[in-house]
Amino acid sequence: MIQMGRKTEEKIIKIKVHDDEIWEPDKDFHVILCTEEGQQLEGDDTRTTVTIVDEDSPGVLGFEEKHIKVRKMDKYAYVRVIRQNGSAGDIECMVRTETI
């Protein structure tokens, strides 16, 4: 039961999320505002979907930019590799350069 006083404009609902080390697809659940009898309150903003994003996969490596320009006087080209769609454990790849 959520109670809000006359001057209260918002209330934060805290829902515990269980974290484990097992990969699973993302999961959705709904939070619905209801009357004491369990009926959903009227209005299009009385239901929300929460998606639990699974972060137990290692992810995918890729370049931040597809094209980088450097000058000869810069001496080094700095290329940023980013990890997306996961964060479990260490991840690595080999690097090779070639002239085009």
N, C-alpha and C. Protein backbone atom coordinates (compact mmCIF):
# COMPACT_ATOMS: atom_id res chain seq x y z
N MET A 1 0.85 -1.17 0.00
CA MET A 1 0.00 0.00 0.00
C MET A 1 0.90 1.23 0.00
N ILE A 2 0.67 2.12 -0.93
CA ILE A 2 1.40 3.39 -1.02
C ILE A 2 0.46 4.49 -0.53
N GLN A 3 0.94 5.26 0.41
CA GLN A 3 0.14 6.39 0.88
C GLN A 3 0.89 7.67 0.55
N MET A 4 0.14 8.64 0.03
CA MET A 4 0.73 9.92 -0.31
C MET A 4 -0.10 11.01 0.35
N GLY A 5 0.57 11.92 1.04
CA GLY A 5 -0.13 13.03 1.68
C GLY A 5 -0.62 14.03 0.65
N ARG A 6 -1.37 15.02 1.12
CA ARG A 6 -1.96 16.03 0.23
C ARG A 6 -0.91 16.79 -0.57
N LYS A 7 0.24 17.07 0.05
CA LYS A 7 1.26 17.87 -0.63
C LYS A 7 2.30 17.01 -1.34
N THR A 8 2.21 15.68 -1.23
CA THR A 8 3.17 14.80 -1.88
C THR A 8 2.83 14.66 -3.35
N GLU A 9 3.80 14.90 -4.21
CA GLU A 9 3.58 14.81 -5.66
C GLU A 9 4.19 13.55 -6.26
N GLU A 10 5.08 12.90 -5.55
CA GLU A 10 5.68 11.69 -6.09
C GLU A 10 6.07 10.75 -4.97
N LYS A 11 6.23 9.48 -5.33
CA LYS A 11 6.64 8.45 -4.38
C LYS A 11 7.52 7.47 -5.14
N ILE A 12 8.64 7.11 -4.59
CA ILE A 12 9.54 6.14 -5.19
C ILE A 12 9.18 4.76 -4.67
N ILE A 13 9.01 3.80 -5.59
CA ILE A 13 8.75 2.41 -5.23
C ILE A 13 10.06 1.65 -5.41
N LYS A 14 10.50 0.97 -4.36
CA LYS A 14 11.76 0.24 -4.39
C LYS A 14 11.46 -1.25 -4.57
N ILE A 15 11.96 -1.85 -5.66
CA ILE A 15 11.72 -3.26 -5.96
C ILE A 15 13.07 -3.95 -6.05
N LYS A 16 13.29 -4.96 -5.22
CA LYS A 16 14.57 -5.69 -5.19
C LYS A 16 14.72 -6.54 -6.44
N VAL A 17 15.90 -6.49 -7.04
CA VAL A 17 16.23 -7.28 -8.23
C VAL A 17 17.29 -8.29 -7.83
N HIS A 18 17.06 -9.55 -8.12
CA HIS A 18 18.00 -10.62 -7.78
C HIS A 18 19.06 -10.73 -8.88
N ASP A 19 20.33 -10.68 -8.50
CA ASP A 19 21.43 -10.79 -9.45
C ASP A 19 22.10 -12.14 -9.27
N ASP A 20 22.35 -12.83 -10.37
CA ASP A 20 23.10 -14.08 -10.34
C ASP A 20 24.11 -14.07 -11.47
N GLU A 21 24.89 -15.11 -11.59
CA GLU A 21 25.95 -15.18 -12.60
C GLU A 21 25.54 -16.00 -13.82
N ILE A 22 24.27 -16.32 -13.95
CA ILE A 22 23.79 -17.16 -15.03
C ILE A 22 23.23 -16.29 -16.14
N TRP A 23 23.64 -16.57 -17.40
CA TRP A 23 23.09 -15.81 -18.52
C TRP A 23 21.64 -16.20 -18.72
N GLU A 24 20.79 -15.20 -18.89
CA GLU A 24 19.38 -15.39 -19.19
C GLU A 24 18.98 -14.27 -20.13
N PRO A 25 17.93 -14.46 -20.92
CA PRO A 25 17.47 -13.34 -21.74
C PRO A 25 16.93 -12.22 -20.84
N ASP A 26 16.86 -11.00 -21.38
CA ASP A 26 16.28 -9.90 -20.62
C ASP A 26 14.88 -10.29 -20.17
N LYS A 27 14.49 -9.81 -19.00
CA LYS A 27 13.17 -10.15 -18.45
C LYS A 27 12.38 -8.88 -18.20
N ASP A 28 11.08 -8.93 -18.49
CA ASP A 28 10.17 -7.81 -18.25
C ASP A 28 9.21 -8.16 -17.12
N PHE A 29 8.85 -7.15 -16.34
CA PHE A 29 7.72 -7.29 -15.42
C PHE A 29 6.98 -5.96 -15.38
N HIS A 30 5.75 -5.99 -14.96
CA HIS A 30 4.90 -4.80 -14.95
C HIS A 30 4.65 -4.34 -13.52
N VAL A 31 4.56 -3.05 -13.35
CA VAL A 31 4.16 -2.43 -12.09
C VAL A 31 2.87 -1.67 -12.39
N ILE A 32 1.83 -1.97 -11.63
CA ILE A 32 0.50 -1.42 -11.90
C ILE A 32 -0.03 -0.75 -10.64
N LEU A 33 -0.56 0.46 -10.78
CA LEU A 33 -1.21 1.14 -9.67
C LEU A 33 -2.65 0.66 -9.58
N CYS A 34 -3.04 0.19 -8.40
CA CYS A 34 -4.35 -0.42 -8.22
C CYS A 34 -5.10 0.19 -7.03
N THR A 35 -6.40 -0.03 -7.04
CA THR A 35 -7.23 0.31 -5.88
C THR A 35 -6.98 -0.73 -4.80
N GLU A 36 -7.55 -0.51 -3.61
CA GLU A 36 -7.40 -1.48 -2.53
C GLU A 36 -8.04 -2.82 -2.90
N GLU A 37 -8.99 -2.80 -3.81
CA GLU A 37 -9.65 -4.03 -4.25
C GLU A 37 -8.85 -4.76 -5.34
N GLY A 38 -7.74 -4.19 -5.79
CA GLY A 38 -6.90 -4.83 -6.79
C GLY A 38 -7.22 -4.44 -8.22
N GLN A 39 -8.09 -3.48 -8.44
CA GLN A 39 -8.43 -3.03 -9.78
C GLN A 39 -7.44 -1.95 -10.21
N GLN A 40 -6.98 -2.03 -11.47
CA GLN A 40 -6.05 -1.03 -11.97
C GLN A 40 -6.72 0.34 -11.99
N LEU A 41 -6.00 1.36 -11.53
CA LEU A 41 -6.50 2.73 -11.56
C LEU A 41 -6.68 3.16 -13.02
N GLU A 42 -7.60 4.07 -13.25
CA GLU A 42 -7.83 4.58 -14.60
C GLU A 42 -6.69 5.49 -15.02
N GLY A 43 -6.49 5.58 -16.33
CA GLY A 43 -5.45 6.45 -16.87
C GLY A 43 -4.41 5.65 -17.62
N ASP A 44 -3.76 6.30 -18.58
CA ASP A 44 -2.76 5.60 -19.38
C ASP A 44 -1.38 5.62 -18.73
N ASP A 45 -1.26 6.20 -17.55
CA ASP A 45 0.04 6.24 -16.86
C ASP A 45 0.01 5.47 -15.55
N THR A 46 -0.87 4.47 -15.43
CA THR A 46 -0.97 3.70 -14.20
C THR A 46 -0.35 2.31 -14.33
N ARG A 47 0.38 2.09 -15.41
CA ARG A 47 1.08 0.81 -15.64
C ARG A 47 2.40 1.13 -16.32
N THR A 48 3.47 0.48 -15.86
CA THR A 48 4.78 0.64 -16.49
C THR A 48 5.44 -0.73 -16.61
N THR A 49 6.31 -0.86 -17.58
CA THR A 49 7.07 -2.10 -17.77
C THR A 49 8.51 -1.84 -17.37
N VAL A 50 9.06 -2.75 -16.57
CA VAL A 50 10.45 -2.70 -16.16
C VAL A 50 11.18 -3.84 -16.85
N THR A 51 12.30 -3.54 -17.52
CA THR A 51 13.10 -4.57 -18.18
C THR A 51 14.39 -4.76 -17.39
N ILE A 52 14.64 -6.00 -16.97
CA ILE A 52 15.90 -6.34 -16.30
C ILE A 52 16.85 -6.79 -17.41
N VAL A 53 17.88 -6.01 -17.65
CA VAL A 53 18.84 -6.30 -18.71
C VAL A 53 19.89 -7.26 -18.16
N ASP A 54 20.08 -8.39 -18.84
CA ASP A 54 21.07 -9.37 -18.41
C ASP A 54 22.46 -8.89 -18.80
N GLU A 55 23.33 -8.76 -17.82
CA GLU A 55 24.69 -8.30 -18.07
C GLU A 55 25.70 -9.43 -17.87
N ASP A 56 25.22 -10.67 -17.86
CA ASP A 56 26.09 -11.80 -17.57
C ASP A 56 26.79 -12.36 -18.80
N SER A 57 26.64 -11.72 -19.95
CA SER A 57 27.38 -12.16 -21.14
C SER A 57 28.66 -11.32 -21.24
N PRO A 58 29.67 -11.83 -21.92
CA PRO A 58 30.93 -11.07 -22.01
C PRO A 58 30.82 -9.80 -22.84
N GLY A 59 29.83 -9.73 -23.72
CA GLY A 59 29.67 -8.55 -24.54
C GLY A 59 30.35 -8.68 -25.89
N VAL A 60 30.36 -7.59 -26.62
CA VAL A 60 30.91 -7.55 -27.97
C VAL A 60 31.88 -6.37 -28.06
N LEU A 61 33.04 -6.61 -28.66
CA LEU A 61 34.01 -5.55 -28.85
C LEU A 61 33.84 -4.90 -30.21
N GLY A 62 34.10 -3.62 -30.28
CA GLY A 62 34.02 -2.89 -31.54
C GLY A 62 34.74 -1.57 -31.41
N PHE A 63 34.93 -0.89 -32.52
CA PHE A 63 35.59 0.41 -32.51
C PHE A 63 34.57 1.51 -32.23
N GLU A 64 35.00 2.51 -31.47
CA GLU A 64 34.13 3.65 -31.17
C GLU A 64 33.85 4.45 -32.43
N GLU A 65 34.86 4.60 -33.30
CA GLU A 65 34.70 5.35 -34.55
C GLU A 65 35.14 4.48 -35.72
N LYS A 66 34.47 4.62 -36.85
CA LYS A 66 34.81 3.83 -38.03
C LYS A 66 35.90 4.47 -38.88
N HIS A 67 36.15 5.77 -38.69
CA HIS A 67 37.17 6.47 -39.46
C HIS A 67 37.86 7.49 -38.56
N ILE A 68 39.18 7.42 -38.51
CA ILE A 68 39.97 8.34 -37.68
C ILE A 68 41.05 8.96 -38.55
N LYS A 69 41.22 10.27 -38.45
CA LYS A 69 42.28 10.96 -39.19
C LYS A 69 43.36 11.40 -38.21
N VAL A 70 44.62 11.15 -38.59
CA VAL A 70 45.75 11.63 -37.80
C VAL A 70 46.77 12.24 -38.76
N ARG A 71 47.63 13.08 -38.23
CA ARG A 71 48.71 13.67 -39.02
C ARG A 71 49.99 12.89 -38.77
N LYS A 72 50.92 12.92 -39.72
CA LYS A 72 52.19 12.22 -39.54
C LYS A 72 52.92 12.72 -38.30
N MET A 73 52.81 14.02 -38.04
CA MET A 73 53.51 14.58 -36.89
C MET A 73 52.93 14.13 -35.55
N ASP A 74 51.73 13.52 -35.56
CA ASP A 74 51.13 13.04 -34.31
C ASP A 74 51.88 11.83 -33.75
N LYS A 75 52.59 11.10 -34.56
CA LYS A 75 53.40 9.92 -34.22
C LYS A 75 52.56 8.70 -33.86
N TYR A 76 51.41 8.85 -33.24
CA TYR A 76 50.57 7.72 -32.85
C TYR A 76 49.12 7.98 -33.26
N ALA A 77 48.46 6.92 -33.60
CA ALA A 77 47.01 6.97 -33.82
C ALA A 77 46.37 6.25 -32.63
N TYR A 78 45.50 6.91 -31.93
CA TYR A 78 44.81 6.32 -30.78
C TYR A 78 43.43 5.85 -31.24
N VAL A 79 43.20 4.57 -31.14
CA VAL A 79 41.95 3.95 -31.59
C VAL A 79 41.26 3.36 -30.37
N ARG A 80 40.05 3.82 -30.09
CA ARG A 80 39.33 3.37 -28.89
C ARG A 80 38.46 2.15 -29.23
N VAL A 81 38.64 1.10 -28.43
CA VAL A 81 37.82 -0.11 -28.54
C VAL A 81 36.80 -0.07 -27.41
N ILE A 82 35.54 -0.33 -27.74
CA ILE A 82 34.49 -0.29 -26.71
C ILE A 82 33.85 -1.68 -26.57
N ARG A 83 33.30 -1.92 -25.40
CA ARG A 83 32.62 -3.17 -25.08
C ARG A 83 31.14 -2.84 -24.89
N GLN A 84 30.28 -3.56 -25.61
CA GLN A 84 28.85 -3.29 -25.53
C GLN A 84 28.08 -4.59 -25.28
N ASN A 85 26.88 -4.44 -24.75
CA ASN A 85 25.94 -5.55 -24.57
C ASN A 85 26.46 -6.65 -23.66
N GLY A 86 27.11 -6.28 -22.59
CA GLY A 86 27.58 -7.27 -21.62
C GLY A 86 28.77 -6.77 -20.85
N SER A 87 29.04 -7.39 -19.71
CA SER A 87 30.17 -6.95 -18.91
C SER A 87 30.73 -8.05 -18.02
N ALA A 88 30.32 -9.30 -18.24
CA ALA A 88 30.77 -10.38 -17.35
C ALA A 88 32.17 -10.85 -17.73
N GLY A 89 33.06 -10.87 -16.77
CA GLY A 89 34.39 -11.41 -16.97
C GLY A 89 35.28 -10.59 -17.87
N ASP A 90 36.47 -11.14 -18.11
CA ASP A 90 37.44 -10.50 -18.99
C ASP A 90 37.12 -10.88 -20.43
N ILE A 91 37.46 -9.99 -21.34
CA ILE A 91 37.26 -10.25 -22.77
C ILE A 91 38.48 -9.70 -23.49
N GLU A 92 38.88 -10.39 -24.56
CA GLU A 92 40.08 -9.93 -25.27
C GLU A 92 39.94 -10.26 -26.75
N CYS A 93 40.81 -9.62 -27.55
CA CYS A 93 40.85 -9.89 -28.99
C CYS A 93 42.26 -9.57 -29.47
N MET A 94 42.60 -10.08 -30.63
CA MET A 94 43.86 -9.78 -31.28
C MET A 94 43.68 -8.54 -32.13
N VAL A 95 44.76 -7.81 -32.37
CA VAL A 95 44.72 -6.60 -33.18
C VAL A 95 45.68 -6.78 -34.36
N ARG A 96 45.23 -6.39 -35.55
CA ARG A 96 46.07 -6.45 -36.74
C ARG A 96 45.88 -5.14 -37.52
N THR A 97 46.95 -4.60 -38.03
CA THR A 97 46.85 -3.41 -38.87
C THR A 97 47.23 -3.78 -40.29
N GLU A 98 46.66 -3.06 -41.24
CA GLU A 98 47.01 -3.28 -42.63
C GLU A 98 46.91 -1.98 -43.38
N THR A 99 47.69 -1.83 -44.41
CA THR A 99 47.68 -0.64 -45.27
C THR A 99 46.67 -0.85 -46.36
N ILE A 100 45.84 0.19 -46.58
CA ILE A 100 44.85 0.09 -47.65
C ILE A 100 45.15 1.08 -48.75
